[in-house]
């Protein structure tokens, strides 16, 4: 599960709306692969949002609501035929944002260990 960007962004001294906007630019989005989907509805039934952010039976672009999706990736985990892919964001494709955030996350972890060892 990809949670590092969300966790690390909380450390930034920015307004909550800005953090949410940044998170949406970095974190992958679920995407239904229609050719693989068997419409078993496990993704919809496993979605913790009410109403579910995903519904393979809805027409067109309404199958996945990116506004209400919290990027928990439960749908991805529950799908028995792996018909839900995690699509990289444009920012991540261009700048490898996930790798940068992970490196920053590791650096902060090392700094925390150094501070803890000096006490």
PDB file of N, CA and C in Angstrom:
ATOM      1  N   UNK A   1       0.836  -1.172   0.000  1.00  0.00           N
ATOM      2  CA  UNK A   1       0.000   0.000   0.000  1.00  0.00           C
ATOM      3  C   UNK A   1       0.887   1.243   0.000  1.00  0.00           C
ATOM      4  N   UNK A   2       0.496   2.266  -0.746  1.00  0.00           N
ATOM      5  CA  UNK A   2       1.308   3.462  -0.922  1.00  0.00           C
ATOM      6  C   UNK A   2       0.774   4.564  -0.012  1.00  0.00           C
ATOM      7  N   UNK A   3       1.405   4.733   1.135  1.00  0.00           N
ATOM      8  CA  UNK A   3       0.952   5.746   2.069  1.00  0.00           C
ATOM      9  C   UNK A   3       2.006   6.791   2.382  1.00  0.00           C
ATOM     10  N   UNK A   4       3.221   6.593   1.952  1.00  0.00           N
ATOM     11  CA  UNK A   4       4.301   7.516   2.298  1.00  0.00           C
ATOM     12  C   UNK A   4       4.002   8.961   1.927  1.00  0.00           C
ATOM     13  N   UNK A   5       3.480   9.266   0.711  1.00  0.00           N
ATOM     14  CA  UNK A   5       3.238  10.664   0.386  1.00  0.00           C
ATOM     15  C   UNK A   5       2.229  11.321   1.319  1.00  0.00           C
ATOM     16  N   UNK A   6       1.173  10.612   1.652  1.00  0.00           N
ATOM     17  CA  UNK A   6       0.160  11.189   2.535  1.00  0.00           C
ATOM     18  C   UNK A   6       0.747  11.448   3.914  1.00  0.00           C
ATOM     19  N   UNK A   7       1.544  10.513   4.422  1.00  0.00           N
ATOM     20  CA  UNK A   7       2.140  10.669   5.746  1.00  0.00           C
ATOM     21  C   UNK A   7       3.137  11.809   5.780  1.00  0.00           C
ATOM     22  N   UNK A   8       3.982  11.899   4.797  1.00  0.00           N
ATOM     23  CA  UNK A   8       5.036  12.905   4.800  1.00  0.00           C
ATOM     24  C   UNK A   8       4.470  14.295   4.562  1.00  0.00           C
ATOM     25  N   UNK A   9       3.421  14.393   3.773  1.00  0.00           N
ATOM     26  CA  UNK A   9       2.832  15.699   3.494  1.00  0.00           C
ATOM     27  C   UNK A   9       2.240  16.341   4.739  1.00  0.00           C
ATOM     28  N   UNK A  10       1.808  15.522   5.697  1.00  0.00           N
ATOM     29  CA  UNK A  10       1.230  16.077   6.926  1.00  0.00           C
ATOM     30  C   UNK A  10       2.246  16.872   7.731  1.00  0.00           C
ATOM     31  N   UNK A  11       3.528  16.637   7.486  1.00  0.00           N
ATOM     32  CA  UNK A  11       4.574  17.356   8.201  1.00  0.00           C
ATOM     33  C   UNK A  11       4.788  18.770   7.666  1.00  0.00           C
ATOM     34  N   UNK A  12       4.319  19.027   6.458  1.00  0.00           N
ATOM     35  CA  UNK A  12       4.517  20.345   5.868  1.00  0.00           C
ATOM     36  C   UNK A  12       3.587  21.375   6.519  1.00  0.00           C
ATOM     37  N   UNK A  13       4.093  22.574   6.801  1.00  0.00           N
ATOM     38  CA  UNK A  13       3.266  23.607   7.439  1.00  0.00           C
ATOM     39  C   UNK A  13       2.392  24.333   6.420  1.00  0.00           C
ATOM     40  N   UNK A  14       1.439  23.610   5.854  1.00  0.00           N
ATOM     41  CA  UNK A  14       0.555  24.169   4.840  1.00  0.00           C
ATOM     42  C   UNK A  14      -0.898  23.968   5.262  1.00  0.00           C
ATOM     43  N   UNK A  15      -1.808  24.792   4.739  1.00  0.00           N
ATOM     44  CA  UNK A  15      -3.235  24.589   5.037  1.00  0.00           C
ATOM     45  C   UNK A  15      -3.714  23.222   4.568  1.00  0.00           C
ATOM     46  N   UNK A  16      -4.716  22.713   5.238  1.00  0.00           N
ATOM     47  CA  UNK A  16      -5.241  21.374   4.942  1.00  0.00           C
ATOM     48  C   UNK A  16      -5.675  21.222   3.485  1.00  0.00           C
ATOM     49  N   UNK A  17      -6.337  22.235   2.936  1.00  0.00           N
ATOM     50  CA  UNK A  17      -6.787  22.157   1.537  1.00  0.00           C
ATOM     51  C   UNK A  17      -5.597  22.045   0.584  1.00  0.00           C
ATOM     52  N   UNK A  18      -4.534  22.758   0.877  1.00  0.00           N
ATOM     53  CA  UNK A  18      -3.330  22.693   0.042  1.00  0.00           C
ATOM     54  C   UNK A  18      -2.698  21.313   0.125  1.00  0.00           C
ATOM     55  N   UNK A  19      -2.645  20.758   1.333  1.00  0.00           N
ATOM     56  CA  UNK A  19      -2.096  19.413   1.506  1.00  0.00           C
ATOM     57  C   UNK A  19      -2.914  18.378   0.737  1.00  0.00           C
ATOM     58  N   UNK A  20      -4.232  18.526   0.781  1.00  0.00           N
ATOM     59  CA  UNK A  20      -5.105  17.592   0.059  1.00  0.00           C
ATOM     60  C   UNK A  20      -4.873  17.715  -1.450  1.00  0.00           C
ATOM     61  N   UNK A  21      -4.722  18.940  -1.933  1.00  0.00           N
ATOM     62  CA  UNK A  21      -4.468  19.172  -3.353  1.00  0.00           C
ATOM     63  C   UNK A  21      -3.141  18.545  -3.764  1.00  0.00           C
ATOM     64  N   UNK A  22      -2.097  18.745  -2.949  1.00  0.00           N
ATOM     65  CA  UNK A  22      -0.789  18.148  -3.234  1.00  0.00           C
ATOM     66  C   UNK A  22      -0.850  16.629  -3.236  1.00  0.00           C
ATOM     67  N   UNK A  23      -1.567  16.085  -2.262  1.00  0.00           N
ATOM     68  CA  UNK A  23      -1.701  14.632  -2.165  1.00  0.00           C
ATOM     69  C   UNK A  23      -2.352  14.073  -3.419  1.00  0.00           C
ATOM     70  N   UNK A  24      -3.386  14.756  -3.902  1.00  0.00           N
ATOM     71  CA  UNK A  24      -4.071  14.290  -5.106  1.00  0.00           C
ATOM     72  C   UNK A  24      -3.189  14.375  -6.339  1.00  0.00           C
ATOM     73  N   UNK A  25      -2.205  15.272  -6.319  1.00  0.00           N
ATOM     74  CA  UNK A  25      -1.274  15.356  -7.441  1.00  0.00           C
ATOM     75  C   UNK A  25      -0.249  14.230  -7.435  1.00  0.00           C
ATOM     76  N   UNK A  26       0.038  13.697  -6.261  1.00  0.00           N
ATOM     77  CA  UNK A  26       1.118  12.716  -6.132  1.00  0.00           C
ATOM     78  C   UNK A  26       0.629  11.276  -6.095  1.00  0.00           C
ATOM     79  N   UNK A  27      -0.429  11.010  -5.346  1.00  0.00           N
ATOM     80  CA  UNK A  27      -0.839   9.632  -5.078  1.00  0.00           C
ATOM     81  C   UNK A  27      -1.549   9.011  -6.280  1.00  0.00           C
ATOM     82  N   UNK A  28      -1.254   7.742  -6.572  1.00  0.00           N
ATOM     83  CA  UNK A  28      -1.917   7.055  -7.692  1.00  0.00           C
ATOM     84  C   UNK A  28      -3.426   6.935  -7.487  1.00  0.00           C
ATOM     85  N   UNK A  29      -4.131   6.870  -8.598  1.00  0.00           N
ATOM     86  CA  UNK A  29      -5.594   6.720  -8.564  1.00  0.00           C
ATOM     87  C   UNK A  29      -5.981   5.331  -9.064  1.00  0.00           C
ATOM     88  N   UNK A  30      -6.989   4.737  -8.434  1.00  0.00           N
ATOM     89  CA  UNK A  30      -7.480   3.459  -8.960  1.00  0.00           C
ATOM     90  C   UNK A  30      -8.132   3.665 -10.327  1.00  0.00           C
ATOM     91  N   UNK A  31      -8.010   2.669 -11.173  1.00  0.00           N
ATOM     92  CA  UNK A  31      -8.609   2.720 -12.495  1.00  0.00           C
ATOM     93  C   UNK A  31      -9.084   1.322 -12.856  1.00  0.00           C
ATOM     94  N   UNK A  32     -10.330   1.209 -13.294  1.00  0.00           N
ATOM     95  CA  UNK A  32     -10.896  -0.089 -13.662  1.00  0.00           C
ATOM     96  C   UNK A  32     -10.441  -0.462 -15.068  1.00  0.00           C
ATOM     97  N   UNK A  33      -9.909  -1.673 -15.201  1.00  0.00           N
ATOM     98  CA  UNK A  33      -9.554  -2.218 -16.514  1.00  0.00           C
ATOM     99  C   UNK A  33     -10.776  -2.994 -16.986  1.00  0.00           C
ATOM    100  N   UNK A  34     -11.540  -2.377 -17.864  1.00  0.00           N
ATOM    101  CA  UNK A  34     -12.844  -2.920 -18.261  1.00  0.00           C
ATOM    102  C   UNK A  34     -12.752  -4.301 -18.890  1.00  0.00           C
ATOM    103  N   UNK A  35     -11.670  -4.585 -19.615  1.00  0.00           N
ATOM    104  CA  UNK A  35     -11.528  -5.895 -20.262  1.00  0.00           C
ATOM    105  C   UNK A  35     -11.389  -7.029 -19.248  1.00  0.00           C
ATOM    106  N   UNK A  36     -10.828  -6.727 -18.083  1.00  0.00           N
ATOM    107  CA  UNK A  36     -10.616  -7.745 -17.057  1.00  0.00           C
ATOM    108  C   UNK A  36     -11.773  -7.849 -16.065  1.00  0.00           C
ATOM    109  N   UNK A  37     -12.535  -6.772 -15.898  1.00  0.00           N
ATOM    110  CA  UNK A  37     -13.575  -6.711 -14.867  1.00  0.00           C
ATOM    111  C   UNK A  37     -14.675  -7.750 -15.101  1.00  0.00           C
ATOM    112  N   UNK A  38     -14.972  -8.533 -14.060  1.00  0.00           N
ATOM    113  CA  UNK A  38     -16.026  -9.545 -14.149  1.00  0.00           C
ATOM    114  C   UNK A  38     -17.291  -9.091 -13.431  1.00  0.00           C
ATOM    115  N   UNK A  39     -17.283  -7.848 -12.949  1.00  0.00           N
ATOM    116  CA  UNK A  39     -18.432  -7.219 -12.280  1.00  0.00           C
ATOM    117  C   UNK A  39     -18.937  -8.030 -11.089  1.00  0.00           C
ATOM    118  N   UNK A  40     -17.991  -8.493 -10.280  1.00  0.00           N
ATOM    119  CA  UNK A  40     -18.335  -9.261  -9.085  1.00  0.00           C
ATOM    120  C   UNK A  40     -18.774  -8.347  -7.934  1.00  0.00           C
ATOM    121  N   UNK A  41     -18.488  -7.053  -8.058  1.00  0.00           N
ATOM    122  CA  UNK A  41     -18.884  -6.017  -7.104  1.00  0.00           C
ATOM    123  C   UNK A  41     -18.113  -6.065  -5.779  1.00  0.00           C
ATOM    124  N   UNK A  42     -17.042  -6.828  -5.710  1.00  0.00           N
ATOM    125  CA  UNK A  42     -16.240  -6.850  -4.477  1.00  0.00           C
ATOM    126  C   UNK A  42     -15.603  -5.495  -4.220  1.00  0.00           C
ATOM    127  N   UNK A  43     -15.231  -4.794  -5.280  1.00  0.00           N
ATOM    128  CA  UNK A  43     -14.638  -3.466  -5.113  1.00  0.00           C
ATOM    129  C   UNK A  43     -15.656  -2.504  -4.500  1.00  0.00           C
ATOM    130  N   UNK A  44     -16.869  -2.542  -4.997  1.00  0.00           N
ATOM    131  CA  UNK A  44     -17.922  -1.659  -4.487  1.00  0.00           C
ATOM    132  C   UNK A  44     -18.286  -2.024  -3.051  1.00  0.00           C
ATOM    133  N   UNK A  45     -18.423  -3.308  -2.783  1.00  0.00           N
ATOM    134  CA  UNK A  45     -18.801  -3.759  -1.441  1.00  0.00           C
ATOM    135  C   UNK A  45     -17.686  -3.517  -0.424  1.00  0.00           C
ATOM    136  N   UNK A  46     -16.440  -3.497  -0.867  1.00  0.00           N
ATOM    137  CA  UNK A  46     -15.321  -3.291   0.037  1.00  0.00           C
ATOM    138  C   UNK A  46     -14.939  -1.836   0.234  1.00  0.00           C
ATOM    139  N   UNK A  47     -15.526  -0.949  -0.562  1.00  0.00           N
ATOM    140  CA  UNK A  47     -15.196   0.471  -0.465  1.00  0.00           C
ATOM    141  C   UNK A  47     -15.733   1.039   0.856  1.00  0.00           C
ATOM    142  N   UNK A  48     -14.856   1.683   1.653  1.00  0.00           N
ATOM    143  CA  UNK A  48     -15.298   2.196   2.955  1.00  0.00           C
ATOM    144  C   UNK A  48     -16.107   3.489   2.875  1.00  0.00           C
ATOM    145  N   UNK A  49     -16.234   4.069   1.704  1.00  0.00           N
ATOM    146  CA  UNK A  49     -16.972   5.321   1.526  1.00  0.00           C
ATOM    147  C   UNK A  49     -18.452   5.003   1.322  1.00  0.00           C
ATOM    148  N   UNK A  50     -19.312   5.861   1.861  1.00  0.00           N
ATOM    149  CA  UNK A  50     -20.755   5.687   1.684  1.00  0.00           C
ATOM    150  C   UNK A  50     -21.333   6.941   1.047  1.00  0.00           C
ATOM    151  N   UNK A  51     -21.825   6.890  -0.157  1.00  0.00           N
ATOM    152  CA  UNK A  51     -21.898   5.772  -1.089  1.00  0.00           C
ATOM    153  C   UNK A  51     -20.517   5.435  -1.644  1.00  0.00           C
ATOM    154  N   UNK A  52     -20.344   4.196  -2.081  1.00  0.00           N
ATOM    155  CA  UNK A  52     -19.031   3.761  -2.572  1.00  0.00           C
ATOM    156  C   UNK A  52     -18.509   4.644  -3.706  1.00  0.00           C
ATOM    157  N   UNK A  53     -17.210   4.864  -3.703  1.00  0.00           N
ATOM    158  CA  UNK A  53     -16.584   5.694  -4.731  1.00  0.00           C
ATOM    159  C   UNK A  53     -16.392   4.926  -6.037  1.00  0.00           C
ATOM    160  N   UNK A  54     -16.662   3.631  -6.004  1.00  0.00           N
ATOM    161  CA  UNK A  54     -16.475   2.806  -7.202  1.00  0.00           C
ATOM    162  C   UNK A  54     -17.709   1.945  -7.436  1.00  0.00           C
ATOM    163  N   UNK A  55     -18.112   1.853  -8.692  1.00  0.00           N
ATOM    164  CA  UNK A  55     -19.239   1.007  -9.069  1.00  0.00           C
ATOM    165  C   UNK A  55     -19.067   0.600 -10.531  1.00  0.00           C
ATOM    166  N   UNK A  56     -18.611  -0.635 -10.789  1.00  0.00           N
ATOM    167  CA  UNK A  56     -18.354  -1.066 -12.162  1.00  0.00           C
ATOM    168  C   UNK A  56     -19.593  -1.124 -13.050  1.00  0.00           C
ATOM    169  N   UNK A  57     -20.776  -1.091 -12.466  1.00  0.00           N
ATOM    170  CA  UNK A  57     -21.995  -1.176 -13.262  1.00  0.00           C
ATOM    171  C   UNK A  57     -22.473   0.185 -13.769  1.00  0.00           C
ATOM    172  N   UNK A  58     -21.916   1.268 -13.248  1.00  0.00           N
ATOM    173  CA  UNK A  58     -22.324   2.598 -13.705  1.00  0.00           C
ATOM    174  C   UNK A  58     -21.772   2.858 -15.109  1.00  0.00           C
ATOM    175  N   UNK A  59     -22.469   3.713 -15.856  1.00  0.00           N
ATOM    176  CA  UNK A  59     -22.021   3.984 -17.230  1.00  0.00           C
ATOM    177  C   UNK A  59     -20.837   4.948 -17.289  1.00  0.00           C
ATOM    178  N   UNK A  60     -20.020   4.799 -18.306  1.00  0.00           N
ATOM    179  CA  UNK A  60     -18.945   5.735 -18.634  1.00  0.00           C
ATOM    180  C   UNK A  60     -17.987   6.081 -17.523  1.00  0.00           C
ATOM    181  N   UNK A  61     -17.746   7.379 -17.365  1.00  0.00           N
ATOM    182  CA  UNK A  61     -16.772   7.887 -16.406  1.00  0.00           C
ATOM    183  C   UNK A  61     -17.277   7.825 -14.959  1.00  0.00           C
ATOM    184  N   UNK A  62     -18.534   7.492 -14.756  1.00  0.00           N
ATOM    185  CA  UNK A  62     -19.109   7.455 -13.407  1.00  0.00           C
ATOM    186  C   UNK A  62     -18.715   6.202 -12.623  1.00  0.00           C
ATOM    187  N   UNK A  63     -17.998   5.293 -13.237  1.00  0.00           N
ATOM    188  CA  UNK A  63     -17.621   4.051 -12.561  1.00  0.00           C
ATOM    189  C   UNK A  63     -16.751   4.309 -11.330  1.00  0.00           C
ATOM    190  N   UNK A  64     -15.927   5.356 -11.388  1.00  0.00           N
ATOM    191  CA  UNK A  64     -15.035   5.676 -10.281  1.00  0.00           C
ATOM    192  C   UNK A  64     -15.103   7.174 -10.008  1.00  0.00           C
ATOM    193  N   UNK A  65     -15.491   7.525  -8.795  1.00  0.00           N
ATOM    194  CA  UNK A  65     -15.597   8.927  -8.408  1.00  0.00           C
ATOM    195  C   UNK A  65     -14.286   9.342  -7.737  1.00  0.00           C
ATOM    196  N   UNK A  66     -13.442  10.059  -8.478  1.00  0.00           N
ATOM    197  CA  UNK A  66     -12.131  10.458  -7.961  1.00  0.00           C
ATOM    198  C   UNK A  66     -12.226  11.541  -6.897  1.00  0.00           C
ATOM    199  N   UNK A  67     -13.366  12.215  -6.831  1.00  0.00           N
ATOM    200  CA  UNK A  67     -13.535  13.265  -5.820  1.00  0.00           C
ATOM    201  C   UNK A  67     -13.762  12.648  -4.440  1.00  0.00           C
ATOM    202  N   UNK A  68     -14.572  11.614  -4.358  1.00  0.00           N
ATOM    203  CA  UNK A  68     -14.870  11.003  -3.062  1.00  0.00           C
ATOM    204  C   UNK A  68     -13.914   9.865  -2.704  1.00  0.00           C
ATOM    205  N   UNK A  69     -13.137   9.385  -3.675  1.00  0.00           N
ATOM    206  CA  UNK A  69     -12.179   8.300  -3.416  1.00  0.00           C
ATOM    207  C   UNK A  69     -11.104   8.782  -2.442  1.00  0.00           C
ATOM    208  N   UNK A  70     -10.852   8.011  -1.389  1.00  0.00           N
ATOM    209  CA  UNK A  70      -9.856   8.394  -0.376  1.00  0.00           C
ATOM    210  C   UNK A  70      -8.517   7.717  -0.608  1.00  0.00           C
ATOM    211  N   UNK A  71      -8.356   7.030  -1.713  1.00  0.00           N
ATOM    212  CA  UNK A  71      -7.110   6.372  -2.096  1.00  0.00           C
ATOM    213  C   UNK A  71      -6.649   5.364  -1.041  1.00  0.00           C
ATOM    214  N   UNK A  72      -7.604   4.576  -0.548  1.00  0.00           N
ATOM    215  CA  UNK A  72      -7.257   3.518   0.409  1.00  0.00           C
ATOM    216  C   UNK A  72      -6.851   2.247  -0.330  1.00  0.00           C
ATOM    217  N   UNK A  73      -7.235   2.150  -1.590  1.00  0.00           N
ATOM    218  CA  UNK A  73      -6.899   1.038  -2.477  1.00  0.00           C
ATOM    219  C   UNK A  73      -7.521  -0.291  -2.050  1.00  0.00           C
ATOM    220  N   UNK A  74      -8.596  -0.229  -1.276  1.00  0.00           N
ATOM    221  CA  UNK A  74      -9.323  -1.452  -0.905  1.00  0.00           C
ATOM    222  C   UNK A  74      -9.857  -2.143  -2.159  1.00  0.00           C
ATOM    223  N   UNK A  75     -10.354  -1.364  -3.107  1.00  0.00           N
ATOM    224  CA  UNK A  75     -10.894  -1.932  -4.340  1.00  0.00           C
ATOM    225  C   UNK A  75      -9.810  -2.726  -5.074  1.00  0.00           C
ATOM    226  N   UNK A  76      -8.621  -2.201  -5.101  1.00  0.00           N
ATOM    227  CA  UNK A  76      -7.481  -2.856  -5.741  1.00  0.00           C
ATOM    228  C   UNK A  76      -7.155  -4.180  -5.039  1.00  0.00           C
ATOM    229  N   UNK A  77      -7.218  -4.167  -3.722  1.00  0.00           N
ATOM    230  CA  UNK A  77      -6.910  -5.371  -2.937  1.00  0.00           C
ATOM    231  C   UNK A  77      -7.998  -6.432  -3.052  1.00  0.00           C
ATOM    232  N   UNK A  78      -9.266  -6.014  -3.111  1.00  0.00           N
ATOM    233  CA  UNK A  78     -10.386  -6.962  -3.114  1.00  0.00           C
ATOM    234  C   UNK A  78     -10.636  -7.610  -4.466  1.00  0.00           C
ATOM    235  N   UNK A  79     -10.192  -6.995  -5.537  1.00  0.00           N
ATOM    236  CA  UNK A  79     -10.506  -7.499  -6.875  1.00  0.00           C
ATOM    237  C   UNK A  79      -9.831  -8.854  -7.110  1.00  0.00           C
ATOM    238  N   UNK A  80     -10.633  -9.904  -7.352  1.00  0.00           N
ATOM    239  CA  UNK A  80     -10.060 -11.246  -7.520  1.00  0.00           C
ATOM    240  C   UNK A  80      -9.331 -11.444  -8.848  1.00  0.00           C
ATOM    241  N   UNK A  81      -9.633 -10.601  -9.850  1.00  0.00           N
ATOM    242  CA  UNK A  81      -9.002 -10.765 -11.161  1.00  0.00           C
ATOM    243  C   UNK A  81      -8.030  -9.629 -11.478  1.00  0.00           C
ATOM    244  N   UNK A  82      -7.718  -8.828 -10.468  1.00  0.00           N
ATOM    245  CA  UNK A  82      -6.773  -7.698 -10.609  1.00  0.00           C
ATOM    246  C   UNK A  82      -7.180  -6.755 -11.746  1.00  0.00           C
ATOM    247  N   UNK A  83      -8.467  -6.415 -11.776  1.00  0.00           N
ATOM    248  CA  UNK A  83      -8.993  -5.524 -12.809  1.00  0.00           C
ATOM    249  C   UNK A  83      -8.926  -4.056 -12.395  1.00  0.00           C
ATOM    250  N   UNK A  84      -8.359  -3.781 -11.236  1.00  0.00           N
ATOM    251  CA  UNK A  84      -8.212  -2.398 -10.802  1.00  0.00           C
ATOM    252  C   UNK A  84      -6.724  -2.095 -10.697  1.00  0.00           C
ATOM    253  N   UNK A  85      -6.315  -1.185 -11.558  1.00  0.00           N
ATOM    254  CA  UNK A  85      -4.911  -0.800 -11.638  1.00  0.00           C
ATOM    255  C   UNK A  85      -4.725   0.516 -10.892  1.00  0.00           C
ATOM    256  N   UNK A  86      -3.520   0.752 -10.405  1.00  0.00           N
ATOM    257  CA  UNK A  86      -3.208   2.018  -9.757  1.00  0.00           C
ATOM    258  C   UNK A  86      -2.466   2.876 -10.767  1.00  0.00           C
ATOM    259  N   UNK A  87      -3.155   3.884 -11.269  1.00  0.00           N
ATOM    260  CA  UNK A  87      -2.611   4.741 -12.313  1.00  0.00           C
ATOM    261  C   UNK A  87      -1.777   5.857 -11.693  1.00  0.00           C
ATOM    262  N   UNK A  88      -0.522   5.975 -12.142  1.00  0.00           N
ATOM    263  CA  UNK A  88       0.350   7.033 -11.635  1.00  0.00           C
ATOM    264  C   UNK A  88      -0.186   8.405 -12.023  1.00  0.00           C
ATOM    265  N   UNK A  89       0.041   9.366 -11.159  1.00  0.00           N
ATOM    266  CA  UNK A  89      -0.359  10.736 -11.465  1.00  0.00           C
ATOM    267  C   UNK A  89       0.608  11.327 -12.485  1.00  0.00           C
ATOM    268  N   UNK A  90       0.195  12.403 -13.133  1.00  0.00           N
ATOM    269  CA  UNK A  90       1.072  13.060 -14.104  1.00  0.00           C
ATOM    270  C   UNK A  90       2.339  13.568 -13.435  1.00  0.00           C
ATOM    271  N   UNK A  91       2.159  14.131 -12.246  1.00  0.00           N
ATOM    272  CA  UNK A  91       3.300  14.661 -11.516  1.00  0.00           C
ATOM    273  C   UNK A  91       4.314  13.556 -11.220  1.00  0.00           C
ATOM    274  N   UNK A  92       3.809  12.392 -10.846  1.00  0.00           N
ATOM    275  CA  UNK A  92       4.692  11.268 -10.559  1.00  0.00           C
ATOM    276  C   UNK A  92       5.378  10.773 -11.832  1.00  0.00           C
ATOM    277  N   UNK A  93       4.665  10.777 -12.949  1.00  0.00           N
ATOM    278  CA  UNK A  93       5.263  10.352 -14.216  1.00  0.00           C
ATOM    279  C   UNK A  93       6.366  11.314 -14.640  1.00  0.00           C
ATOM    280  N   UNK A  94       6.128  12.593 -14.486  1.00  0.00           N
ATOM    281  CA  UNK A  94       7.091  13.595 -14.945  1.00  0.00           C
ATOM    282  C   UNK A  94       8.310  13.702 -14.038  1.00  0.00           C
ATOM    283  N   UNK A  95       8.070  13.749 -12.732  1.00  0.00           N
ATOM    284  CA  UNK A  95       9.148  14.048 -11.799  1.00  0.00           C
ATOM    285  C   UNK A  95       9.497  12.899 -10.863  1.00  0.00           C
ATOM    286  N   UNK A  96       8.888  11.747 -11.047  1.00  0.00           N
ATOM    287  CA  UNK A  96       9.104  10.608 -10.156  1.00  0.00           C
ATOM    288  C   UNK A  96       8.862  11.032  -8.704  1.00  0.00           C
ATOM    289  N   UNK A  97       7.728  11.676  -8.492  1.00  0.00           N
ATOM    290  CA  UNK A  97       7.398  12.255  -7.188  1.00  0.00           C
ATOM    291  C   UNK A  97       7.386  11.206  -6.084  1.00  0.00           C
ATOM    292  N   UNK A  98       6.905  10.012  -6.373  1.00  0.00           N
ATOM    293  CA  UNK A  98       6.865   8.959  -5.347  1.00  0.00           C
ATOM    294  C   UNK A  98       8.271   8.665  -4.828  1.00  0.00           C
ATOM    295  N   UNK A  99       9.229   8.583  -5.727  1.00  0.00           N
ATOM    296  CA  UNK A  99      10.607   8.287  -5.321  1.00  0.00           C
ATOM    297  C   UNK A  99      11.191   9.428  -4.494  1.00  0.00           C
ATOM    298  N   UNK A 100      10.909  10.656  -4.898  1.00  0.00           N
ATOM    299  CA  UNK A 100      11.399  11.817  -4.157  1.00  0.00           C
ATOM    300  C   UNK A 100      10.816  11.836  -2.749  1.00  0.00           C
ATOM    301  N   UNK A 101       9.510  11.583  -2.644  1.00  0.00           N
ATOM    302  CA  UNK A 101       8.850  11.589  -1.340  1.00  0.00           C
ATOM    303  C   UNK A 101       9.383  10.460  -0.472  1.00  0.00           C
ATOM    304  N   UNK A 102       9.600   9.281  -1.058  1.00  0.00           N
ATOM    305  CA  UNK A 102      10.152   8.162  -0.282  1.00  0.00           C
ATOM    306  C   UNK A 102      11.554   8.488   0.231  1.00  0.00           C
ATOM    307  N   UNK A 103      12.378   9.116  -0.615  1.00  0.00           N
ATOM    308  CA  UNK A 103      13.728   9.492  -0.197  1.00  0.00           C
ATOM    309  C   UNK A 103      13.671  10.506   0.941  1.00  0.00           C
ATOM    310  N   UNK A 104      12.777  11.465   0.834  1.00  0.00           N
ATOM    311  CA  UNK A 104      12.602  12.458   1.891  1.00  0.00           C
ATOM    312  C   UNK A 104      12.111  11.795   3.175  1.00  0.00           C
ATOM    313  N   UNK A 105      11.227  10.823   3.033  1.00  0.00           N
ATOM    314  CA  UNK A 105      10.693  10.080   4.171  1.00  0.00           C
ATOM    315  C   UNK A 105      11.818   9.326   4.884  1.00  0.00           C
ATOM    316  N   UNK A 106      12.696   8.671   4.111  1.00  0.00           N
ATOM    317  CA  UNK A 106      13.830   7.963   4.705  1.00  0.00           C
ATOM    318  C   UNK A 106      14.788   8.925   5.397  1.00  0.00           C
ATOM    319  N   UNK A 107      15.019  10.079   4.787  1.00  0.00           N
ATOM    320  CA  UNK A 107      15.905  11.082   5.379  1.00  0.00           C
ATOM    321  C   UNK A 107      15.359  11.574   6.717  1.00  0.00           C
ATOM    322  N   UNK A 108      14.053  11.836   6.763  1.00  0.00           N
ATOM    323  CA  UNK A 108      13.442  12.260   8.024  1.00  0.00           C
ATOM    324  C   UNK A 108      13.546  11.171   9.080  1.00  0.00           C
ATOM    325  N   UNK A 109      13.404   9.916   8.678  1.00  0.00           N
ATOM    326  CA  UNK A 109      13.545   8.800   9.615  1.00  0.00           C
ATOM    327  C   UNK A 109      14.952   8.727  10.193  1.00  0.00           C
ATOM    328  N   UNK A 110      15.943   8.931   9.338  1.00  0.00           N
ATOM    329  CA  UNK A 110      17.329   8.915   9.813  1.00  0.00           C
ATOM    330  C   UNK A 110      17.611  10.073  10.757  1.00  0.00           C
ATOM    331  N   UNK A 111      17.075  11.245  10.411  1.00  0.00           N
ATOM    332  CA  UNK A 111      17.256  12.403  11.288  1.00  0.00           C
ATOM    333  C   UNK A 111      16.610  12.173  12.656  1.00  0.00           C
ATOM    334  N   UNK A 112      15.446  11.559  12.655  1.00  0.00           N
ATOM    335  CA  UNK A 112      14.768  11.262  13.916  1.00  0.00           C
ATOM    336  C   UNK A 112      15.585  10.297  14.759  1.00  0.00           C
ATOM    337  N   UNK A 113      16.208   9.306  14.117  1.00  0.00           N
ATOM    338  CA  UNK A 113      17.059   8.358  14.844  1.00  0.00           C
ATOM    339  C   UNK A 113      18.287   9.052  15.416  1.00  0.00           C
ATOM    340  N   UNK A 114      18.881   9.945  14.651  1.00  0.00           N
ATOM    341  CA  UNK A 114      20.049  10.690  15.139  1.00  0.00           C
ATOM    342  C   UNK A 114      19.692  11.533  16.358  1.00  0.00           C
ATOM    343  N   UNK A 115      18.574  12.200  16.291  1.00  0.00           N
ATOM    344  CA  UNK A 115      18.141  13.045  17.423  1.00  0.00           C
ATOM    345  C   UNK A 115      17.846  12.172  18.639  1.00  0.00           C
ATOM    346  N   UNK A 116      17.200  11.026  18.411  1.00  0.00           N
ATOM    347  CA  UNK A 116      16.863  10.136  19.515  1.00  0.00           C
ATOM    348  C   UNK A 116      18.135   9.550  20.152  1.00  0.00           C
ATOM    349  N   UNK A 117      19.142   9.242  19.362  1.00  0.00           N
ATOM    350  CA  UNK A 117      20.379   8.664  19.891  1.00  0.00           C
ATOM    351  C   UNK A 117      21.214   9.675  20.651  1.00  0.00           C
ATOM    352  N   UNK A 118      21.068  10.956  20.355  1.00  0.00           N
ATOM    353  CA  UNK A 118      21.838  11.988  21.041  1.00  0.00           C
ATOM    354  C   UNK A 118      21.258  12.324  22.413  1.00  0.00           C
ATOM    355  N   UNK A 119      20.064  11.911  22.676  1.00  0.00           N
ATOM    356  CA  UNK A 119      19.420  12.207  23.970  1.00  0.00           C
ATOM    357  C   UNK A 119      19.839  11.256  25.017  1.00  0.00           C
TER     358      UNK A 119
END
